[in-house]
Amino acid sequence: MSKQVKKAEGGEAHYNTLIAPVITEKSTIAAENNQVVFRTPLTATKAEIKDAVEALFKVKVKAVNTLRAKGKTKRFRGRPYTRSAVKKAVVTLEEGHAIDVTTGL
């Protein structure tokens, strides 16, 4: 039922599908191969991510690969805490298309 609700919302669902771009050394190197990395909700599917990127950035998506990183238990100053679980999407763009993640939407 949640998928039907997302379709009904229209453009707002696209903004909820992409949380933030991941800007790291590894994602910067991937940008040379027409790839962009985004943080997404744990429930987002590859098709939803593809639709959101194509609608928001007006580009053509070639492929979407996703990965889930489980939350880890860490310690800071002796106090334990848990990092939240994260889902990342590596979006490969068609030749001739590009996204500048530093400018924003």
N, C-alpha and C. Protein backbone atom coordinates (compact mmCIF):
# COMPACT_ATOMS: atom_id res chain seq x y z
N MET A 1 0.81 -1.19 0.00
CA MET A 1 0.00 0.00 0.00
C MET A 1 0.85 1.25 0.00
N SER A 2 2.03 1.21 0.60
CA SER A 2 2.88 2.40 0.66
C SER A 2 3.35 2.82 -0.73
N LYS A 3 3.51 1.85 -1.65
CA LYS A 3 3.93 2.19 -3.00
C LYS A 3 2.85 2.99 -3.72
N GLN A 4 1.58 2.66 -3.47
CA GLN A 4 0.48 3.39 -4.08
C GLN A 4 0.43 4.81 -3.55
N VAL A 5 0.72 4.99 -2.28
CA VAL A 5 0.72 6.31 -1.68
C VAL A 5 1.83 7.16 -2.28
N LYS A 6 3.02 6.58 -2.47
CA LYS A 6 4.14 7.32 -3.04
C LYS A 6 3.84 7.78 -4.46
N LYS A 7 3.18 6.94 -5.26
CA LYS A 7 2.84 7.33 -6.62
C LYS A 7 1.84 8.47 -6.62
N ALA A 8 0.92 8.47 -5.66
CA ALA A 8 -0.11 9.50 -5.60
C ALA A 8 0.49 10.85 -5.23
N GLU A 9 1.56 10.87 -4.44
CA GLU A 9 2.16 12.13 -4.00
C GLU A 9 2.84 12.86 -5.14
N GLY A 10 3.33 12.15 -6.14
CA GLY A 10 3.96 12.80 -7.29
C GLY A 10 5.39 13.21 -7.01
N GLY A 11 5.71 14.49 -7.27
CA GLY A 11 7.06 14.99 -7.18
C GLY A 11 7.67 14.95 -5.80
N GLU A 12 6.84 15.06 -4.78
CA GLU A 12 7.36 15.06 -3.41
C GLU A 12 8.01 13.73 -3.06
N ALA A 13 7.50 12.65 -3.62
CA ALA A 13 8.07 11.33 -3.35
C ALA A 13 9.50 11.24 -3.86
N HIS A 14 9.82 11.95 -4.95
CA HIS A 14 11.18 11.93 -5.49
C HIS A 14 12.15 12.57 -4.51
N TYR A 15 11.73 13.64 -3.84
CA TYR A 15 12.59 14.30 -2.86
C TYR A 15 12.80 13.41 -1.64
N ASN A 16 11.81 12.58 -1.30
CA ASN A 16 11.93 11.67 -0.16
C ASN A 16 12.76 10.45 -0.49
N THR A 17 12.93 10.13 -1.78
CA THR A 17 13.69 8.96 -2.19
C THR A 17 15.19 9.21 -2.09
N LEU A 18 15.64 10.41 -2.41
CA LEU A 18 17.07 10.74 -2.33
C LEU A 18 17.30 11.62 -1.11
N ILE A 19 17.99 11.08 -0.11
CA ILE A 19 18.21 11.84 1.13
C ILE A 19 19.32 12.86 0.93
N ALA A 20 20.48 12.40 0.46
CA ALA A 20 21.62 13.30 0.30
C ALA A 20 22.67 12.64 -0.58
N PRO A 21 23.47 13.44 -1.28
CA PRO A 21 24.59 12.84 -2.01
C PRO A 21 25.70 12.46 -1.05
N VAL A 22 26.43 11.41 -1.39
CA VAL A 22 27.57 10.98 -0.59
C VAL A 22 28.81 11.58 -1.23
N ILE A 23 29.50 12.44 -0.50
CA ILE A 23 30.69 13.10 -1.04
C ILE A 23 31.89 12.62 -0.25
N THR A 24 32.56 11.62 -0.80
CA THR A 24 33.76 11.06 -0.20
C THR A 24 34.82 10.95 -1.30
N GLU A 25 36.00 10.54 -0.91
CA GLU A 25 37.06 10.36 -1.89
C GLU A 25 36.68 9.28 -2.91
N LYS A 26 36.09 8.21 -2.43
CA LYS A 26 35.71 7.11 -3.31
C LYS A 26 34.59 7.53 -4.27
N SER A 27 33.61 8.29 -3.80
CA SER A 27 32.53 8.72 -4.69
C SER A 27 33.01 9.77 -5.69
N THR A 28 34.02 10.54 -5.34
CA THR A 28 34.60 11.51 -6.26
C THR A 28 35.32 10.80 -7.39
N ILE A 29 36.02 9.71 -7.08
CA ILE A 29 36.68 8.92 -8.11
C ILE A 29 35.64 8.25 -9.01
N ALA A 30 34.53 7.80 -8.42
CA ALA A 30 33.46 7.17 -9.21
C ALA A 30 32.81 8.17 -10.16
N ALA A 31 32.84 9.46 -9.82
CA ALA A 31 32.25 10.49 -10.67
C ALA A 31 32.96 10.57 -12.02
N GLU A 32 34.21 10.15 -12.09
CA GLU A 32 34.93 10.14 -13.36
C GLU A 32 34.37 9.10 -14.32
N ASN A 33 33.66 8.10 -13.78
CA ASN A 33 33.04 7.04 -14.59
C ASN A 33 31.54 7.24 -14.74
N ASN A 34 31.07 8.50 -14.67
CA ASN A 34 29.64 8.84 -14.76
C ASN A 34 28.81 8.16 -13.68
N GLN A 35 29.33 8.06 -12.46
CA GLN A 35 28.59 7.49 -11.35
C GLN A 35 28.42 8.52 -10.24
N VAL A 36 27.23 8.51 -9.62
CA VAL A 36 26.93 9.41 -8.52
C VAL A 36 26.37 8.55 -7.39
N VAL A 37 26.74 8.86 -6.13
CA VAL A 37 26.32 8.07 -4.98
C VAL A 37 25.37 8.90 -4.12
N PHE A 38 24.23 8.30 -3.75
CA PHE A 38 23.24 8.96 -2.91
C PHE A 38 22.90 8.10 -1.71
N ARG A 39 22.57 8.74 -0.56
CA ARG A 39 21.97 8.03 0.57
C ARG A 39 20.48 7.98 0.30
N THR A 40 19.87 6.83 0.58
CA THR A 40 18.45 6.64 0.33
C THR A 40 17.80 5.98 1.54
N PRO A 41 16.47 6.02 1.63
CA PRO A 41 15.80 5.29 2.71
C PRO A 41 16.00 3.78 2.55
N LEU A 42 15.93 3.06 3.64
CA LEU A 42 16.13 1.61 3.60
C LEU A 42 15.06 0.91 2.77
N THR A 43 13.91 1.54 2.59
CA THR A 43 12.80 0.92 1.86
C THR A 43 12.79 1.25 0.37
N ALA A 44 13.68 2.12 -0.09
CA ALA A 44 13.67 2.55 -1.50
C ALA A 44 14.12 1.41 -2.41
N THR A 45 13.45 1.28 -3.56
CA THR A 45 13.82 0.26 -4.53
C THR A 45 14.65 0.88 -5.65
N LYS A 46 15.28 0.03 -6.46
CA LYS A 46 16.09 0.54 -7.57
C LYS A 46 15.24 1.32 -8.57
N ALA A 47 14.04 0.86 -8.83
CA ALA A 47 13.17 1.55 -9.78
C ALA A 47 12.77 2.93 -9.26
N GLU A 48 12.47 3.04 -7.98
CA GLU A 48 12.12 4.34 -7.38
C GLU A 48 13.30 5.29 -7.43
N ILE A 49 14.49 4.78 -7.16
CA ILE A 49 15.70 5.62 -7.19
C ILE A 49 15.95 6.12 -8.60
N LYS A 50 15.81 5.24 -9.59
CA LYS A 50 16.02 5.62 -10.99
C LYS A 50 15.03 6.70 -11.39
N ASP A 51 13.74 6.53 -11.06
CA ASP A 51 12.72 7.52 -11.41
C ASP A 51 13.01 8.86 -10.75
N ALA A 52 13.46 8.84 -9.49
CA ALA A 52 13.72 10.08 -8.77
C ALA A 52 14.90 10.84 -9.37
N VAL A 53 15.97 10.14 -9.71
CA VAL A 53 17.15 10.80 -10.29
C VAL A 53 16.81 11.39 -11.66
N GLU A 54 16.08 10.62 -12.48
CA GLU A 54 15.73 11.11 -13.81
C GLU A 54 14.79 12.31 -13.72
N ALA A 55 13.85 12.31 -12.77
CA ALA A 55 12.90 13.41 -12.66
C ALA A 55 13.54 14.67 -12.07
N LEU A 56 14.36 14.52 -11.05
CA LEU A 56 14.91 15.68 -10.36
C LEU A 56 16.07 16.34 -11.11
N PHE A 57 16.92 15.53 -11.75
CA PHE A 57 18.13 16.08 -12.38
C PHE A 57 18.04 16.13 -13.90
N LYS A 58 16.95 15.62 -14.49
CA LYS A 58 16.75 15.64 -15.95
C LYS A 58 17.91 14.97 -16.68
N VAL A 59 18.28 13.78 -16.23
CA VAL A 59 19.35 12.99 -16.85
C VAL A 59 18.81 11.60 -17.17
N LYS A 60 19.56 10.83 -17.95
CA LYS A 60 19.20 9.46 -18.30
C LYS A 60 20.06 8.51 -17.47
N VAL A 61 19.42 7.60 -16.73
CA VAL A 61 20.12 6.66 -15.86
C VAL A 61 20.33 5.35 -16.59
N LYS A 62 21.57 4.86 -16.55
CA LYS A 62 21.92 3.59 -17.18
C LYS A 62 21.67 2.43 -16.23
N ALA A 63 22.10 2.54 -14.96
CA ALA A 63 21.94 1.46 -13.99
C ALA A 63 21.95 2.03 -12.57
N VAL A 64 21.36 1.25 -11.66
CA VAL A 64 21.36 1.60 -10.25
C VAL A 64 21.81 0.38 -9.46
N ASN A 65 22.84 0.53 -8.66
CA ASN A 65 23.31 -0.51 -7.75
C ASN A 65 23.12 -0.01 -6.33
N THR A 66 22.62 -0.87 -5.44
CA THR A 66 22.39 -0.45 -4.07
C THR A 66 23.18 -1.32 -3.11
N LEU A 67 23.44 -0.76 -1.92
CA LEU A 67 24.09 -1.52 -0.86
C LEU A 67 23.55 -1.04 0.47
N ARG A 68 23.48 -1.98 1.41
CA ARG A 68 23.01 -1.68 2.76
C ARG A 68 24.14 -1.91 3.73
N ALA A 69 24.44 -0.91 4.53
CA ALA A 69 25.46 -1.03 5.58
C ALA A 69 24.73 -1.12 6.92
N LYS A 70 24.95 -2.20 7.65
CA LYS A 70 24.31 -2.37 8.94
C LYS A 70 24.87 -1.37 9.94
N GLY A 71 24.05 -0.98 10.90
CA GLY A 71 24.51 -0.08 11.95
C GLY A 71 25.50 -0.78 12.86
N LYS A 72 26.51 -0.05 13.26
CA LYS A 72 27.55 -0.63 14.12
C LYS A 72 27.42 -0.08 15.53
N THR A 73 27.84 -0.88 16.50
CA THR A 73 27.93 -0.40 17.87
C THR A 73 29.33 0.17 18.07
N LYS A 74 29.40 1.43 18.44
CA LYS A 74 30.67 2.14 18.62
C LYS A 74 30.72 2.71 20.03
N ARG A 75 31.88 3.27 20.37
CA ARG A 75 32.05 3.92 21.66
C ARG A 75 32.64 5.31 21.46
N PHE A 76 32.13 6.28 22.21
CA PHE A 76 32.68 7.62 22.22
C PHE A 76 32.84 8.04 23.66
N ARG A 77 34.09 8.28 24.07
CA ARG A 77 34.42 8.63 25.45
C ARG A 77 33.88 7.59 26.43
N GLY A 78 33.96 6.32 26.03
CA GLY A 78 33.56 5.24 26.90
C GLY A 78 32.07 4.91 26.87
N ARG A 79 31.29 5.74 26.21
CA ARG A 79 29.84 5.51 26.17
C ARG A 79 29.46 4.85 24.85
N PRO A 80 28.75 3.73 24.91
CA PRO A 80 28.35 3.05 23.67
C PRO A 80 27.19 3.76 22.97
N TYR A 81 27.19 3.70 21.68
CA TYR A 81 26.07 4.18 20.88
C TYR A 81 26.02 3.34 19.61
N THR A 82 24.94 3.43 18.87
CA THR A 82 24.77 2.64 17.66
C THR A 82 24.61 3.56 16.47
N ARG A 83 25.44 3.35 15.46
CA ARG A 83 25.27 4.06 14.19
C ARG A 83 24.03 3.52 13.51
N SER A 84 23.33 4.37 12.79
CA SER A 84 22.13 3.91 12.11
C SER A 84 22.49 3.17 10.84
N ALA A 85 21.62 2.26 10.43
CA ALA A 85 21.81 1.53 9.19
C ALA A 85 21.61 2.48 8.02
N VAL A 86 22.36 2.28 6.94
CA VAL A 86 22.34 3.19 5.81
C VAL A 86 22.19 2.40 4.52
N LYS A 87 21.44 2.94 3.57
CA LYS A 87 21.36 2.36 2.24
C LYS A 87 21.93 3.39 1.28
N LYS A 88 22.85 2.96 0.42
CA LYS A 88 23.44 3.84 -0.58
C LYS A 88 23.07 3.34 -1.95
N ALA A 89 22.93 4.27 -2.87
CA ALA A 89 22.64 3.93 -4.26
C ALA A 89 23.74 4.50 -5.14
N VAL A 90 24.38 3.64 -5.92
CA VAL A 90 25.38 4.07 -6.89
C VAL A 90 24.67 4.13 -8.24
N VAL A 91 24.46 5.36 -8.74
CA VAL A 91 23.70 5.58 -9.97
C VAL A 91 24.68 5.81 -11.11
N THR A 92 24.61 4.97 -12.13
CA THR A 92 25.45 5.13 -13.32
C THR A 92 24.64 5.86 -14.37
N LEU A 93 25.20 6.95 -14.89
CA LEU A 93 24.50 7.77 -15.89
C LEU A 93 24.93 7.39 -17.29
N GLU A 94 24.06 7.66 -18.26
CA GLU A 94 24.38 7.44 -19.67
C GLU A 94 25.48 8.41 -20.09
N GLU A 95 26.18 8.06 -21.17
CA GLU A 95 27.23 8.93 -21.70
C GLU A 95 26.64 10.28 -22.09
N GLY A 96 27.35 11.34 -21.78
CA GLY A 96 26.90 12.69 -22.11
C GLY A 96 26.06 13.35 -21.03
N HIS A 97 25.66 12.60 -20.00
CA HIS A 97 24.88 13.16 -18.91
C HIS A 97 25.76 13.30 -17.67
N ALA A 98 25.48 14.33 -16.86
CA ALA A 98 26.27 14.58 -15.65
C ALA A 98 25.42 15.25 -14.61
N ILE A 99 25.78 15.05 -13.35
CA ILE A 99 25.12 15.71 -12.22
C ILE A 99 26.20 16.40 -11.40
N ASP A 100 26.00 17.68 -11.09
CA ASP A 100 26.92 18.39 -10.21
C ASP A 100 26.29 18.42 -8.82
N VAL A 101 26.71 17.52 -7.94
CA VAL A 101 26.09 17.39 -6.62
C VAL A 101 26.47 18.54 -5.68
N THR A 102 27.47 19.32 -6.02
CA THR A 102 27.89 20.41 -5.13
C THR A 102 26.95 21.61 -5.23
N THR A 103 26.18 21.74 -6.30
CA THR A 103 25.30 22.90 -6.46
C THR A 103 23.95 22.70 -5.80
N GLY A 104 23.52 21.46 -5.62
CA GLY A 104 22.22 21.20 -5.01
C GLY A 104 21.10 21.27 -6.02
N LEU A 105 19.85 21.22 -5.51
CA LEU A 105 18.69 21.25 -6.41
C LEU A 105 18.19 22.65 -6.57
